[in-house]
Amino acid sequence: MLKFETSFKFQLLFLIILCIIILFLNINYEDKIKLVLSSMLPIYAEIINSAIERCVDLVTKEYNEIAKQAKDIGAFLVFISFLIATILWIIILL
């Protein structure tokens, strides 16, 4: 993942920055753990999305509507994971 996936590298850097921020937040340890775990959701989703993309590319290199839908669904999973993490951050910090 680190070798070939630029978006994964970006998300990993973002996770590291968020973890540093979490260290300095004045909240209890339980909430800090929740924030760290929720911040990891996009990483998990990106791994799944990359696996879907690789499988689709293995099957066909030509344009295929079903292949496009599979890739779009994987990308949507990443988006939803960011949304969930953001909502959890807002809930905990407010």
Protein backbone atom coordinates (compact mmCIF):
# COMPACT_ATOMS: atom_id res chain seq x y z
CA MET A 1 0.00 0.00 0.00
CA LEU A 2 2.75 2.45 0.91
CA LYS A 3 4.61 1.66 -2.26
CA PHE A 4 1.80 2.08 -4.81
CA GLU A 5 -1.13 3.96 -3.29
CA THR A 6 -0.76 7.74 -3.09
CA SER A 7 -4.15 8.20 -1.42
CA PHE A 8 -3.17 5.69 1.26
CA LYS A 9 0.01 7.64 1.98
CA PHE A 10 -2.01 10.85 2.30
CA GLN A 11 -4.51 9.21 4.64
CA LEU A 12 -1.74 7.71 6.76
CA LEU A 13 -0.09 11.13 7.10
CA PHE A 14 -3.47 12.62 8.01
CA LEU A 15 -3.94 9.89 10.66
CA ILE A 16 -0.54 10.64 12.17
CA ILE A 17 -1.37 14.36 12.35
CA LEU A 18 -4.74 13.61 13.95
CA CYS A 19 -3.11 11.31 16.52
CA ILE A 20 -0.69 14.08 17.48
CA ILE A 21 -3.62 16.49 17.86
CA ILE A 22 -5.48 13.93 19.97
CA LEU A 23 -2.54 13.75 22.40
CA PHE A 24 -2.98 17.43 23.22
CA LEU A 25 -6.77 17.48 23.50
CA ASN A 26 -8.15 18.01 26.98
CA ILE A 27 -10.55 15.04 26.93
CA ASN A 28 -10.64 11.72 28.78
CA TYR A 29 -8.71 8.69 27.55
CA GLU A 30 -11.86 6.85 26.50
CA ASP A 31 -12.76 9.67 24.11
CA LYS A 32 -9.18 9.82 22.85
CA ILE A 33 -9.36 6.11 22.00
CA LYS A 34 -12.67 6.68 20.20
CA LEU A 35 -11.11 9.48 18.15
CA VAL A 36 -8.08 7.38 17.22
CA LEU A 37 -10.23 4.40 16.21
CA SER A 38 -12.63 6.54 14.20
CA SER A 39 -9.67 8.23 12.49
CA MET A 40 -8.47 4.80 11.37
CA LEU A 41 -11.74 4.04 9.53
CA PRO A 42 -10.64 5.74 6.29
CA ILE A 43 -7.41 3.70 6.34
CA TYR A 44 -9.40 0.46 6.54
CA ALA A 45 -11.77 1.65 3.84
CA GLU A 46 -8.88 2.62 1.55
CA ILE A 47 -7.35 -0.84 1.94
CA ILE A 48 -10.66 -2.43 0.94
CA ASN A 49 -11.09 0.03 -1.93
CA SER A 50 -7.59 -0.70 -3.24
CA ALA A 51 -8.28 -4.44 -3.09
CA ILE A 52 -11.49 -3.95 -5.08
CA GLU A 53 -9.68 -1.84 -7.68
CA ARG A 54 -6.89 -4.39 -8.06
CA CYS A 55 -9.38 -7.26 -8.47
CA VAL A 56 -11.36 -5.31 -11.07
CA ASP A 57 -8.17 -4.41 -12.97
CA LEU A 58 -7.12 -8.05 -12.88
CA VAL A 59 -10.38 -9.10 -14.53
CA THR A 60 -10.59 -6.38 -17.18
CA LYS A 61 -8.55 -3.44 -18.42
CA GLU A 62 -11.28 -2.32 -20.82
CA TYR A 63 -14.14 -0.05 -19.82
CA ASN A 64 -16.95 -2.01 -18.24
CA GLU A 65 -19.95 -0.47 -16.49
CA ILE A 66 -20.03 -3.13 -13.76
CA ALA A 67 -16.30 -2.69 -13.14
CA LYS A 68 -16.83 1.08 -12.89
CA GLN A 69 -19.66 0.55 -10.40
CA ALA A 70 -17.46 -1.71 -8.26
CA LYS A 71 -14.74 0.94 -8.17
CA ASP A 72 -17.26 3.70 -7.45
CA ILE A 73 -18.73 1.70 -4.56
CA GLY A 74 -15.24 1.24 -3.11
CA ALA A 75 -14.60 4.98 -3.39
CA PHE A 76 -17.98 5.65 -1.75
CA LEU A 77 -16.93 3.41 1.15
CA VAL A 78 -13.90 5.64 1.69
CA PHE A 79 -16.10 8.75 1.61
CA ILE A 80 -18.57 7.27 4.11
CA SER A 81 -15.72 6.32 6.44
CA PHE A 82 -14.49 9.94 6.40
CA LEU A 83 -18.02 11.13 7.07
CA ILE A 84 -18.44 8.77 10.04
CA ALA A 85 -15.06 9.81 11.47
CA THR A 86 -15.93 13.49 11.07
CA ILE A 87 -19.31 13.06 12.78
CA LEU A 88 -17.69 11.20 15.69
CA TRP A 89 -15.08 13.94 16.06
CA ILE A 90 -17.79 16.60 16.11
CA ILE A 91 -19.88 14.70 18.66
CA ILE A 92 -16.94 14.06 20.99
CA LEU A 93 -15.42 17.52 20.76
CA LEU A 94 -18.70 19.36 21.22
